[in-house]
Amino acid sequence: MRALVILAVLGVCSAFPFVQDAPDVAVEKANFHKVFQTIESAALAAVQAANERNPYQPKWYGPYAADLPASVPGALPQVIDTAEVAAARQAFFNTYKQQEAAVAPPSPAV
């Protein structure tokens, strides 16, 4: 069985050079590669220019990001609710408590 798998893989690999692209596909491939090369060279030039402006990145000796709280230092712990949000939240909780009381089983009399 292993031999059949190996032969099948070799057969597929050896057939690859013989498969030809259609003419329109070959033209589009050439156009893509030309545009890709242009964009790649522009991006490489931008990276090289950035590295020339700031060639040295000092080593970080501070705490790891996993050890820091997920907030800006000095920021409030939460966003403060507006009056409309507080009213809507209170209305929701009131409705919730009413529905909860309506479906709750009666408490046993003591």
PDB file of N, CA and C in Angstrom:
ATOM      1  N   MET A   1       0.825  -1.194   0.000  1.00  0.00           N
ATOM      2  CA  MET A   1       0.000   0.000   0.000  1.00  0.00           C
ATOM      3  C   MET A   1       0.867   1.254   0.000  1.00  0.00           C
ATOM      4  N   ARG A   2       1.938   1.211   0.794  1.00  0.00           N
ATOM      5  CA  ARG A   2       2.841   2.364   0.834  1.00  0.00           C
ATOM      6  C   ARG A   2       3.464   2.624  -0.530  1.00  0.00           C
ATOM      7  N   ALA A   3       3.790   1.541  -1.197  1.00  0.00           N
ATOM      8  CA  ALA A   3       4.408   1.680  -2.518  1.00  0.00           C
ATOM      9  C   ALA A   3       3.443   2.354  -3.486  1.00  0.00           C
ATOM     10  N   LEU A   4       2.163   2.031  -3.421  1.00  0.00           N
ATOM     11  CA  LEU A   4       1.180   2.659  -4.299  1.00  0.00           C
ATOM     12  C   LEU A   4       1.048   4.148  -4.006  1.00  0.00           C
ATOM     13  N   VAL A   5       1.089   4.509  -2.735  1.00  0.00           N
ATOM     14  CA  VAL A   5       1.002   5.923  -2.359  1.00  0.00           C
ATOM     15  C   VAL A   5       2.219   6.671  -2.877  1.00  0.00           C
ATOM     16  N   ILE A   6       3.391   6.092  -2.692  1.00  0.00           N
ATOM     17  CA  ILE A   6       4.622   6.735  -3.163  1.00  0.00           C
ATOM     18  C   ILE A   6       4.608   6.867  -4.678  1.00  0.00           C
ATOM     19  N   LEU A   7       4.181   5.835  -5.376  1.00  0.00           N
ATOM     20  CA  LEU A   7       4.111   5.914  -6.836  1.00  0.00           C
ATOM     21  C   LEU A   7       3.087   6.942  -7.297  1.00  0.00           C
ATOM     22  N   ALA A   8       1.979   7.052  -6.606  1.00  0.00           N
ATOM     23  CA  ALA A   8       0.972   8.046  -6.964  1.00  0.00           C
ATOM     24  C   ALA A   8       1.513   9.460  -6.778  1.00  0.00           C
ATOM     25  N   VAL A   9       2.207   9.691  -5.676  1.00  0.00           N
ATOM     26  CA  VAL A   9       2.790  11.013  -5.435  1.00  0.00           C
ATOM     27  C   VAL A   9       3.846  11.322  -6.485  1.00  0.00           C
ATOM     28  N   LEU A  10       4.699  10.372  -6.787  1.00  0.00           N
ATOM     29  CA  LEU A  10       5.716  10.583  -7.822  1.00  0.00           C
ATOM     30  C   LEU A  10       5.082  10.835  -9.185  1.00  0.00           C
ATOM     31  N   GLY A  11       4.006  10.143  -9.487  1.00  0.00           N
ATOM     32  CA  GLY A  11       3.326  10.350 -10.762  1.00  0.00           C
ATOM     33  C   GLY A  11       2.744  11.749 -10.875  1.00  0.00           C
ATOM     34  N   VAL A  12       2.153  12.230  -9.804  1.00  0.00           N
ATOM     35  CA  VAL A  12       1.592  13.584  -9.822  1.00  0.00           C
ATOM     36  C   VAL A  12       2.703  14.611  -9.958  1.00  0.00           C
ATOM     37  N   CYS A  13       3.778  14.416  -9.230  1.00  0.00           N
ATOM     38  CA  CYS A  13       4.886  15.368  -9.283  1.00  0.00           C
ATOM     39  C   CYS A  13       5.559  15.384 -10.650  1.00  0.00           C
ATOM     40  N   SER A  14       5.673  14.235 -11.272  1.00  0.00           N
ATOM     41  CA  SER A  14       6.332  14.200 -12.579  1.00  0.00           C
ATOM     42  C   SER A  14       5.422  14.721 -13.684  1.00  0.00           C
ATOM     43  N   ALA A  15       4.128  14.755 -13.480  1.00  0.00           N
ATOM     44  CA  ALA A  15       3.212  15.265 -14.498  1.00  0.00           C
ATOM     45  C   ALA A  15       3.115  16.780 -14.464  1.00  0.00           C
ATOM     46  N   PHE A  16       3.566  17.421 -13.393  1.00  0.00           N
ATOM     47  CA  PHE A  16       3.431  18.868 -13.243  1.00  0.00           C
ATOM     48  C   PHE A  16       4.089  19.666 -14.377  1.00  0.00           C
ATOM     49  N   PRO A  17       5.323  19.344 -14.800  1.00  0.00           N
ATOM     50  CA  PRO A  17       5.928  20.158 -15.865  1.00  0.00           C
ATOM     51  C   PRO A  17       5.202  20.051 -17.212  1.00  0.00           C
ATOM     52  N   PHE A  18       4.418  19.031 -17.427  1.00  0.00           N
ATOM     53  CA  PHE A  18       3.766  18.841 -18.716  1.00  0.00           C
ATOM     54  C   PHE A  18       2.416  19.540 -18.825  1.00  0.00           C
ATOM     55  N   VAL A  19       1.886  20.017 -17.699  1.00  0.00           N
ATOM     56  CA  VAL A  19       0.607  20.706 -17.731  1.00  0.00           C
ATOM     57  C   VAL A  19       0.858  22.150 -18.152  1.00  0.00           C
ATOM     58  N   GLN A  20       0.255  22.550 -19.257  1.00  0.00           N
ATOM     59  CA  GLN A  20       0.465  23.887 -19.794  1.00  0.00           C
ATOM     60  C   GLN A  20      -0.703  24.795 -19.430  1.00  0.00           C
ATOM     61  N   ASP A  21      -0.391  26.076 -19.214  1.00  0.00           N
ATOM     62  CA  ASP A  21      -1.440  27.060 -18.964  1.00  0.00           C
ATOM     63  C   ASP A  21      -2.078  27.484 -20.286  1.00  0.00           C
ATOM     64  N   ALA A  22      -3.341  27.841 -20.205  1.00  0.00           N
ATOM     65  CA  ALA A  22      -4.010  28.402 -21.377  1.00  0.00           C
ATOM     66  C   ALA A  22      -3.369  29.759 -21.669  1.00  0.00           C
ATOM     67  N   PRO A  23      -3.450  30.256 -22.917  1.00  0.00           N
ATOM     68  CA  PRO A  23      -2.803  31.522 -23.258  1.00  0.00           C
ATOM     69  C   PRO A  23      -3.289  32.696 -22.409  1.00  0.00           C
ATOM     70  N   ASP A  24      -4.599  32.765 -22.139  1.00  0.00           N
ATOM     71  CA  ASP A  24      -5.097  33.883 -21.328  1.00  0.00           C
ATOM     72  C   ASP A  24      -4.606  33.788 -19.882  1.00  0.00           C
ATOM     73  N   VAL A  25      -4.465  32.564 -19.368  1.00  0.00           N
ATOM     74  CA  VAL A  25      -3.953  32.381 -18.022  1.00  0.00           C
ATOM     75  C   VAL A  25      -2.476  32.782 -17.960  1.00  0.00           C
ATOM     76  N   ALA A  26      -1.712  32.429 -18.990  1.00  0.00           N
ATOM     77  CA  ALA A  26      -0.301  32.794 -19.028  1.00  0.00           C
ATOM     78  C   ALA A  26      -0.126  34.307 -19.064  1.00  0.00           C
ATOM     79  N   VAL A  27      -0.984  35.011 -19.820  1.00  0.00           N
ATOM     80  CA  VAL A  27      -0.909  36.469 -19.891  1.00  0.00           C
ATOM     81  C   VAL A  27      -1.242  37.075 -18.529  1.00  0.00           C
ATOM     82  N   GLU A  28      -2.272  36.577 -17.878  1.00  0.00           N
ATOM     83  CA  GLU A  28      -2.643  37.102 -16.566  1.00  0.00           C
ATOM     84  C   GLU A  28      -1.571  36.812 -15.516  1.00  0.00           C
ATOM     85  N   LYS A  29      -0.945  35.640 -15.603  1.00  0.00           N
ATOM     86  CA  LYS A  29       0.148  35.331 -14.689  1.00  0.00           C
ATOM     87  C   LYS A  29       1.300  36.313 -14.875  1.00  0.00           C
ATOM     88  N   ALA A  30       1.633  36.595 -16.125  1.00  0.00           N
ATOM     89  CA  ALA A  30       2.721  37.529 -16.404  1.00  0.00           C
ATOM     90  C   ALA A  30       2.379  38.924 -15.893  1.00  0.00           C
ATOM     91  N   ASN A  31       1.132  39.355 -16.102  1.00  0.00           N
ATOM     92  CA  ASN A  31       0.710  40.674 -15.606  1.00  0.00           C
ATOM     93  C   ASN A  31       0.766  40.722 -14.072  1.00  0.00           C
ATOM     94  N   PHE A  32       0.310  39.662 -13.444  1.00  0.00           N
ATOM     95  CA  PHE A  32       0.329  39.613 -11.983  1.00  0.00           C
ATOM     96  C   PHE A  32       1.755  39.697 -11.465  1.00  0.00           C
ATOM     97  N   HIS A  33       2.649  38.907 -12.052  1.00  0.00           N
ATOM     98  CA  HIS A  33       4.027  38.908 -11.580  1.00  0.00           C
ATOM     99  C   HIS A  33       4.696  40.265 -11.797  1.00  0.00           C
ATOM    100  N   LYS A  34       4.364  40.935 -12.897  1.00  0.00           N
ATOM    101  CA  LYS A  34       4.936  42.256 -13.148  1.00  0.00           C
ATOM    102  C   LYS A  34       4.459  43.249 -12.090  1.00  0.00           C
ATOM    103  N   VAL A  35       3.154  43.253 -11.797  1.00  0.00           N
ATOM    104  CA  VAL A  35       2.613  44.159 -10.780  1.00  0.00           C
ATOM    105  C   VAL A  35       3.162  43.793  -9.404  1.00  0.00           C
ATOM    106  N   PHE A  36       3.248  42.508  -9.114  1.00  0.00           N
ATOM    107  CA  PHE A  36       3.767  42.066  -7.833  1.00  0.00           C
ATOM    108  C   PHE A  36       5.211  42.502  -7.639  1.00  0.00           C
ATOM    109  N   GLN A  37       6.029  42.354  -8.670  1.00  0.00           N
ATOM    110  CA  GLN A  37       7.433  42.777  -8.582  1.00  0.00           C
ATOM    111  C   GLN A  37       7.527  44.273  -8.329  1.00  0.00           C
ATOM    112  N   THR A  38       6.666  45.068  -8.972  1.00  0.00           N
ATOM    113  CA  THR A  38       6.679  46.519  -8.787  1.00  0.00           C
ATOM    114  C   THR A  38       6.323  46.870  -7.351  1.00  0.00           C
ATOM    115  N   ILE A  39       5.258  46.273  -6.833  1.00  0.00           N
ATOM    116  CA  ILE A  39       4.822  46.558  -5.469  1.00  0.00           C
ATOM    117  C   ILE A  39       5.859  46.069  -4.466  1.00  0.00           C
ATOM    118  N   GLU A  40       6.424  44.902  -4.715  1.00  0.00           N
ATOM    119  CA  GLU A  40       7.422  44.359  -3.808  1.00  0.00           C
ATOM    120  C   GLU A  40       8.665  45.239  -3.751  1.00  0.00           C
ATOM    121  N   SER A  41       9.110  45.739  -4.888  1.00  0.00           N
ATOM    122  CA  SER A  41      10.296  46.597  -4.883  1.00  0.00           C
ATOM    123  C   SER A  41      10.004  47.923  -4.180  1.00  0.00           C
ATOM    124  N   ALA A  42       8.781  48.466  -4.351  1.00  0.00           N
ATOM    125  CA  ALA A  42       8.412  49.703  -3.653  1.00  0.00           C
ATOM    126  C   ALA A  42       8.356  49.477  -2.148  1.00  0.00           C
ATOM    127  N   ALA A  43       7.796  48.349  -1.727  1.00  0.00           N
ATOM    128  CA  ALA A  43       7.718  48.050  -0.303  1.00  0.00           C
ATOM    129  C   ALA A  43       9.107  47.823   0.280  1.00  0.00           C
ATOM    130  N   LEU A  44       9.965  47.156  -0.455  1.00  0.00           N
ATOM    131  CA  LEU A  44      11.322  46.920   0.015  1.00  0.00           C
ATOM    132  C   LEU A  44      12.077  48.235   0.162  1.00  0.00           C
ATOM    133  N   ALA A  45      11.875  49.142  -0.789  1.00  0.00           N
ATOM    134  CA  ALA A  45      12.522  50.455  -0.704  1.00  0.00           C
ATOM    135  C   ALA A  45      12.018  51.224   0.514  1.00  0.00           C
ATOM    136  N   ALA A  46      10.730  51.137   0.804  1.00  0.00           N
ATOM    137  CA  ALA A  46      10.176  51.826   1.972  1.00  0.00           C
ATOM    138  C   ALA A  46      10.737  51.252   3.264  1.00  0.00           C
ATOM    139  N   VAL A  47      10.873  49.946   3.336  1.00  0.00           N
ATOM    140  CA  VAL A  47      11.423  49.315   4.534  1.00  0.00           C
ATOM    141  C   VAL A  47      12.888  49.702   4.703  1.00  0.00           C
ATOM    142  N   GLN A  48      13.633  49.696   3.607  1.00  0.00           N
ATOM    143  CA  GLN A  48      15.042  50.080   3.695  1.00  0.00           C
ATOM    144  C   GLN A  48      15.184  51.536   4.119  1.00  0.00           C
ATOM    145  N   ALA A  49      14.318  52.423   3.608  1.00  0.00           N
ATOM    146  CA  ALA A  49      14.368  53.827   4.002  1.00  0.00           C
ATOM    147  C   ALA A  49      14.038  53.981   5.475  1.00  0.00           C
ATOM    148  N   ALA A  50      13.069  53.233   5.967  1.00  0.00           N
ATOM    149  CA  ALA A  50      12.719  53.301   7.384  1.00  0.00           C
ATOM    150  C   ALA A  50      13.870  52.788   8.244  1.00  0.00           C
ATOM    151  N   ASN A  51      14.537  51.748   7.797  1.00  0.00           N
ATOM    152  CA  ASN A  51      15.667  51.212   8.556  1.00  0.00           C
ATOM    153  C   ASN A  51      16.841  52.178   8.556  1.00  0.00           C
ATOM    154  N   GLU A  52      17.001  52.937   7.484  1.00  0.00           N
ATOM    155  CA  GLU A  52      18.084  53.919   7.436  1.00  0.00           C
ATOM    156  C   GLU A  52      17.795  55.080   8.380  1.00  0.00           C
ATOM    157  N   ARG A  53      16.524  55.456   8.527  1.00  0.00           N
ATOM    158  CA  ARG A  53      16.174  56.551   9.439  1.00  0.00           C
ATOM    159  C   ARG A  53      16.335  56.129  10.891  1.00  0.00           C
ATOM    160  N   ASN A  54      15.984  54.909  11.217  1.00  0.00           N
ATOM    161  CA  ASN A  54      16.038  54.426  12.587  1.00  0.00           C
ATOM    162  C   ASN A  54      16.690  53.046  12.589  1.00  0.00           C
ATOM    163  N   PRO A  55      18.009  53.008  12.468  1.00  0.00           N
ATOM    164  CA  PRO A  55      18.660  51.705  12.323  1.00  0.00           C
ATOM    165  C   PRO A  55      18.752  50.920  13.622  1.00  0.00           C
ATOM    166  N   TYR A  56      18.648  51.578  14.758  1.00  0.00           N
ATOM    167  CA  TYR A  56      18.863  50.892  16.031  1.00  0.00           C
ATOM    168  C   TYR A  56      17.582  50.861  16.843  1.00  0.00           C
ATOM    169  N   GLN A  57      17.212  49.690  17.245  1.00  0.00           N
ATOM    170  CA  GLN A  57      16.053  49.517  18.114  1.00  0.00           C
ATOM    171  C   GLN A  57      16.579  49.058  19.468  1.00  0.00           C
ATOM    172  N   PRO A  58      16.444  49.901  20.501  1.00  0.00           N
ATOM    173  CA  PRO A  58      16.989  49.487  21.796  1.00  0.00           C
ATOM    174  C   PRO A  58      16.253  48.277  22.355  1.00  0.00           C
ATOM    175  N   LYS A  59      16.981  47.481  23.112  1.00  0.00           N
ATOM    176  CA  LYS A  59      16.386  46.287  23.703  1.00  0.00           C
ATOM    177  C   LYS A  59      15.393  46.683  24.789  1.00  0.00           C
ATOM    178  N   TRP A  60      14.286  45.975  24.838  1.00  0.00           N
ATOM    179  CA  TRP A  60      13.233  46.253  25.813  1.00  0.00           C
ATOM    180  C   TRP A  60      13.528  45.506  27.090  1.00  0.00           C
ATOM    181  N   TYR A  61      13.601  46.256  28.200  1.00  0.00           N
ATOM    182  CA  TYR A  61      13.851  45.658  29.497  1.00  0.00           C
ATOM    183  C   TYR A  61      12.641  45.769  30.419  1.00  0.00           C
ATOM    184  N   GLY A  62      11.536  46.256  29.901  1.00  0.00           N
ATOM    185  CA  GLY A  62      10.345  46.440  30.714  1.00  0.00           C
ATOM    186  C   GLY A  62       9.579  45.151  30.892  1.00  0.00           C
ATOM    187  N   PRO A  63       8.387  45.239  31.490  1.00  0.00           N
ATOM    188  CA  PRO A  63       7.585  44.033  31.720  1.00  0.00           C
ATOM    189  C   PRO A  63       6.993  43.512  30.410  1.00  0.00           C
ATOM    190  N   TYR A  64       6.671  42.239  30.411  1.00  0.00           N
ATOM    191  CA  TYR A  64       6.028  41.644  29.257  1.00  0.00           C
ATOM    192  C   TYR A  64       4.590  42.142  29.153  1.00  0.00           C
ATOM    193  N   ALA A  65       4.048  42.125  27.953  1.00  0.00           N
ATOM    194  CA  ALA A  65       2.684  42.607  27.754  1.00  0.00           C
ATOM    195  C   ALA A  65       1.679  41.767  28.535  1.00  0.00           C
ATOM    196  N   ALA A  66       1.965  40.497  28.723  1.00  0.00           N
ATOM    197  CA  ALA A  66       1.047  39.626  29.453  1.00  0.00           C
ATOM    198  C   ALA A  66       0.973  39.997  30.931  1.00  0.00           C
ATOM    199  N   ASP A  67       2.012  40.692  31.427  1.00  0.00           N
ATOM    200  CA  ASP A  67       2.027  41.064  32.844  1.00  0.00           C
ATOM    201  C   ASP A  67       1.366  42.399  33.119  1.00  0.00           C
ATOM    202  N   LEU A  68       1.043  43.157  32.079  1.00  0.00           N
ATOM    203  CA  LEU A  68       0.457  44.477  32.258  1.00  0.00           C
ATOM    204  C   LEU A  68      -1.057  44.406  32.198  1.00  0.00           C
ATOM    205  N   PRO A  69      -1.761  45.248  32.933  1.00  0.00           N
ATOM    206  CA  PRO A  69      -3.214  45.280  32.807  1.00  0.00           C
ATOM    207  C   PRO A  69      -3.603  45.862  31.450  1.00  0.00           C
ATOM    208  N   ALA A  70      -4.752  45.484  30.983  1.00  0.00           N
ATOM    209  CA  ALA A  70      -5.200  45.911  29.661  1.00  0.00           C
ATOM    210  C   ALA A  70      -5.847  47.278  29.734  1.00  0.00           C
ATOM    211  N   SER A  71      -5.067  48.291  30.066  1.00  0.00           N
ATOM    212  CA  SER A  71      -5.586  49.642  30.099  1.00  0.00           C
ATOM    213  C   SER A  71      -4.433  50.617  29.988  1.00  0.00           C
ATOM    214  N   VAL A  72      -4.770  51.861  29.771  1.00  0.00           N
ATOM    215  CA  VAL A  72      -3.776  52.912  29.716  1.00  0.00           C
ATOM    216  C   VAL A  72      -3.519  53.371  31.151  1.00  0.00           C
ATOM    217  N   PRO A  73      -2.276  53.598  31.530  1.00  0.00           N
ATOM    218  CA  PRO A  73      -2.016  54.041  32.895  1.00  0.00           C
ATOM    219  C   PRO A  73      -2.751  55.341  33.201  1.00  0.00           C
ATOM    220  N   GLY A  74      -3.441  55.380  34.316  1.00  0.00           N
ATOM    221  CA  GLY A  74      -4.186  56.559  34.713  1.00  0.00           C
ATOM    222  C   GLY A  74      -5.577  56.636  34.149  1.00  0.00           C
ATOM    223  N   ALA A  75      -5.966  55.680  33.330  1.00  0.00           N
ATOM    224  CA  ALA A  75      -7.304  55.703  32.737  1.00  0.00           C
ATOM    225  C   ALA A  75      -8.321  55.171  33.737  1.00  0.00           C
ATOM    226  N   LEU A  76      -9.568  55.526  33.520  1.00  0.00           N
ATOM    227  CA  LEU A  76     -10.641  55.002  34.357  1.00  0.00           C
ATOM    228  C   LEU A  76     -10.806  53.517  34.092  1.00  0.00           C
ATOM    229  N   PRO A  77     -11.223  52.758  35.076  1.00  0.00           N
ATOM    230  CA  PRO A  77     -11.361  51.325  34.846  1.00  0.00           C
ATOM    231  C   PRO A  77     -12.472  50.975  33.859  1.00  0.00           C
ATOM    232  N   GLN A  78     -13.507  51.814  33.774  1.00  0.00           N
ATOM    233  CA  GLN A  78     -14.594  51.563  32.837  1.00  0.00           C
ATOM    234  C   GLN A  78     -15.062  52.887  32.260  1.00  0.00           C
ATOM    235  N   VAL A  79     -15.793  52.800  31.180  1.00  0.00           N
ATOM    236  CA  VAL A  79     -16.421  53.985  30.619  1.00  0.00           C
ATOM    237  C   VAL A  79     -17.664  54.284  31.452  1.00  0.00           C
ATOM    238  N   ILE A  80     -17.831  55.523  31.831  1.00  0.00           N
ATOM    239  CA  ILE A  80     -18.962  55.906  32.669  1.00  0.00           C
ATOM    240  C   ILE A  80     -20.228  55.960  31.814  1.00  0.00           C
ATOM    241  N   ASP A  81     -21.310  55.369  32.348  1.00  0.00           N
ATOM    242  CA  ASP A  81     -22.582  55.348  31.625  1.00  0.00           C
ATOM    243  C   ASP A  81     -23.192  56.747  31.577  1.00  0.00           C
ATOM    244  N   THR A  82     -23.834  57.043  30.445  1.00  0.00           N
ATOM    245  CA  THR A  82     -24.595  58.288  30.352  1.00  0.00           C
ATOM    246  C   THR A  82     -25.937  58.086  31.051  1.00  0.00           C
ATOM    247  N   ALA A  83     -26.696  59.166  31.195  1.00  0.00           N
ATOM    248  CA  ALA A  83     -27.994  59.070  31.871  1.00  0.00           C
ATOM    249  C   ALA A  83     -28.940  58.159  31.100  1.00  0.00           C
ATOM    250  N   GLU A  84     -28.895  58.233  29.769  1.00  0.00           N
ATOM    251  CA  GLU A  84     -29.779  57.391  28.955  1.00  0.00           C
ATOM    252  C   GLU A  84     -29.433  55.918  29.130  1.00  0.00           C
ATOM    253  N   VAL A  85     -28.140  55.618  29.148  1.00  0.00           N
ATOM    254  CA  VAL A  85     -27.715  54.229  29.303  1.00  0.00           C
ATOM    255  C   VAL A  85     -28.094  53.713  30.687  1.00  0.00           C
ATOM    256  N   ALA A  86     -27.901  54.531  31.709  1.00  0.00           N
ATOM    257  CA  ALA A  86     -28.268  54.120  33.066  1.00  0.00           C
ATOM    258  C   ALA A  86     -29.770  53.866  33.175  1.00  0.00           C
ATOM    259  N   ALA A  87     -30.592  54.733  32.540  1.00  0.00           N
ATOM    260  CA  ALA A  87     -32.044  54.537  32.574  1.00  0.00           C
ATOM    261  C   ALA A  87     -32.438  53.268  31.827  1.00  0.00           C
ATOM    262  N   ALA A  88     -31.829  53.028  30.684  1.00  0.00           N
ATOM    263  CA  ALA A  88     -32.146  51.823  29.915  1.00  0.00           C
ATOM    264  C   ALA A  88     -31.719  50.572  30.675  1.00  0.00           C
ATOM    265  N   ARG A  89     -30.567  50.626  31.320  1.00  0.00           N
ATOM    266  CA  ARG A  89     -30.104  49.477  32.099  1.00  0.00           C
ATOM    267  C   ARG A  89     -31.049  49.199  33.269  1.00  0.00           C
ATOM    268  N   GLN A  90     -31.486  50.242  33.935  1.00  0.00           N
ATOM    269  CA  GLN A  90     -32.399  50.067  35.062  1.00  0.00           C
ATOM    270  C   GLN A  90     -33.739  49.516  34.594  1.00  0.00           C
ATOM    271  N   ALA A  91     -34.241  49.993  33.450  1.00  0.00           N
ATOM    272  CA  ALA A  91     -35.493  49.469  32.898  1.00  0.00           C
ATOM    273  C   ALA A  91     -35.355  47.993  32.553  1.00  0.00           C
ATOM    274  N   PHE A  92     -34.209  47.629  31.983  1.00  0.00           N
ATOM    275  CA  PHE A  92     -33.975  46.224  31.655  1.00  0.00           C
ATOM    276  C   PHE A  92     -33.970  45.364  32.916  1.00  0.00           C
ATOM    277  N   PHE A  93     -33.243  45.801  33.935  1.00  0.00           N
ATOM    278  CA  PHE A  93     -33.176  45.016  35.157  1.00  0.00           C
ATOM    279  C   PHE A  93     -34.533  44.923  35.842  1.00  0.00           C
ATOM    280  N   ASN A  94     -35.325  45.990  35.801  1.00  0.00           N
ATOM    281  CA  ASN A  94     -36.672  45.927  36.385  1.00  0.00           C
ATOM    282  C   ASN A  94     -37.526  44.910  35.657  1.00  0.00           C
ATOM    283  N   THR A  95     -37.499  44.938  34.324  1.00  0.00           N
ATOM    284  CA  THR A  95     -38.262  43.974  33.526  1.00  0.00           C
ATOM    285  C   THR A  95     -37.774  42.559  33.796  1.00  0.00           C
ATOM    286  N   TYR A  96     -36.478  42.400  33.892  1.00  0.00           N
ATOM    287  CA  TYR A  96     -35.904  41.085  34.153  1.00  0.00           C
ATOM    288  C   TYR A  96     -36.382  40.545  35.498  1.00  0.00           C
ATOM    289  N   LYS A  97     -36.334  41.385  36.517  1.00  0.00           N
ATOM    290  CA  LYS A  97     -36.764  40.944  37.849  1.00  0.00           C
ATOM    291  C   LYS A  97     -38.249  40.600  37.856  1.00  0.00           C
ATOM    292  N   GLN A  98     -39.084  41.361  37.126  1.00  0.00           N
ATOM    293  CA  GLN A  98     -40.520  41.050  37.037  1.00  0.00           C
ATOM    294  C   GLN A  98     -40.730  39.694  36.379  1.00  0.00           C
ATOM    295  N   GLN A  99     -40.017  39.435  35.296  1.00  0.00           N
ATOM    296  CA  GLN A  99     -40.158  38.155  34.604  1.00  0.00           C
ATOM    297  C   GLN A  99     -39.638  37.012  35.471  1.00  0.00           C
ATOM    298  N   GLU A 100     -38.564  37.262  36.183  1.00  0.00           N
ATOM    299  CA  GLU A 100     -38.010  36.250  37.058  1.00  0.00           C
ATOM    300  C   GLU A 100     -38.992  35.908  38.190  1.00  0.00           C
ATOM    301  N   ALA A 101     -39.618  36.931  38.720  1.00  0.00           N
ATOM    302  CA  ALA A 101     -40.592  36.701  39.786  1.00  0.00           C
ATOM    303  C   ALA A 101     -41.827  35.976  39.253  1.00  0.00           C
ATOM    304  N   ALA A 102     -42.200  36.228  37.990  1.00  0.00           N
ATOM    305  CA  ALA A 102     -43.401  35.607  37.414  1.00  0.00           C
ATOM    306  C   ALA A 102     -43.192  34.115  37.188  1.00  0.00           C
ATOM    307  N   VAL A 103     -41.979  33.681  36.875  1.00  0.00           N
ATOM    308  CA  VAL A 103     -41.744  32.265  36.563  1.00  0.00           C
ATOM    309  C   VAL A 103     -41.136  31.506  37.734  1.00  0.00           C
ATOM    310  N   ALA A 104     -40.802  32.186  38.811  1.00  0.00           N
ATOM    311  CA  ALA A 104     -40.188  31.523  39.956  1.00  0.00           C
ATOM    312  C   ALA A 104     -41.237  30.653  40.652  1.00  0.00           C
ATOM    313  N   PRO A 105     -40.840  29.500  41.148  1.00  0.00           N
ATOM    314  CA  PRO A 105     -41.779  28.661  41.893  1.00  0.00           C
ATOM    315  C   PRO A 105     -42.121  29.348  43.211  1.00  0.00           C
ATOM    316  N   PRO A 106     -43.332  29.125  43.695  1.00  0.00           N
ATOM    317  CA  PRO A 106     -43.711  29.760  44.958  1.00  0.00           C
ATOM    318  C   PRO A 106     -42.848  29.242  46.099  1.00  0.00           C
ATOM    319  N   SER A 107     -42.493  30.153  46.985  1.00  0.00           N
ATOM    320  CA  SER A 107     -41.668  29.760  48.114  1.00  0.00           C
ATOM    321  C   SER A 107     -42.554  29.046  49.147  1.00  0.00           C
ATOM    322  N   PRO A 108     -42.019  28.010  49.783  1.00  0.00           N
ATOM    323  CA  PRO A 108     -42.844  27.275  50.756  1.00  0.00           C
ATOM    324  C   PRO A 108     -43.131  28.130  51.993  1.00  0.00           C
ATOM    325  N   ALA A 109     -44.328  27.992  52.521  1.00  0.00           N
ATOM    326  CA  ALA A 109     -44.720  28.736  53.722  1.00  0.00           C
ATOM    327  C   ALA A 109     -44.044  28.095  54.929  1.00  0.00           C
ATOM    328  N   VAL A 110     -43.580  28.917  55.810  1.00  0.00           N
ATOM    329  CA  VAL A 110     -42.885  28.404  56.992  1.00  0.00           C
ATOM    330  C   VAL A 110     -43.785  28.416  58.182  1.00  0.00           C
TER     331      VAL A 110
END
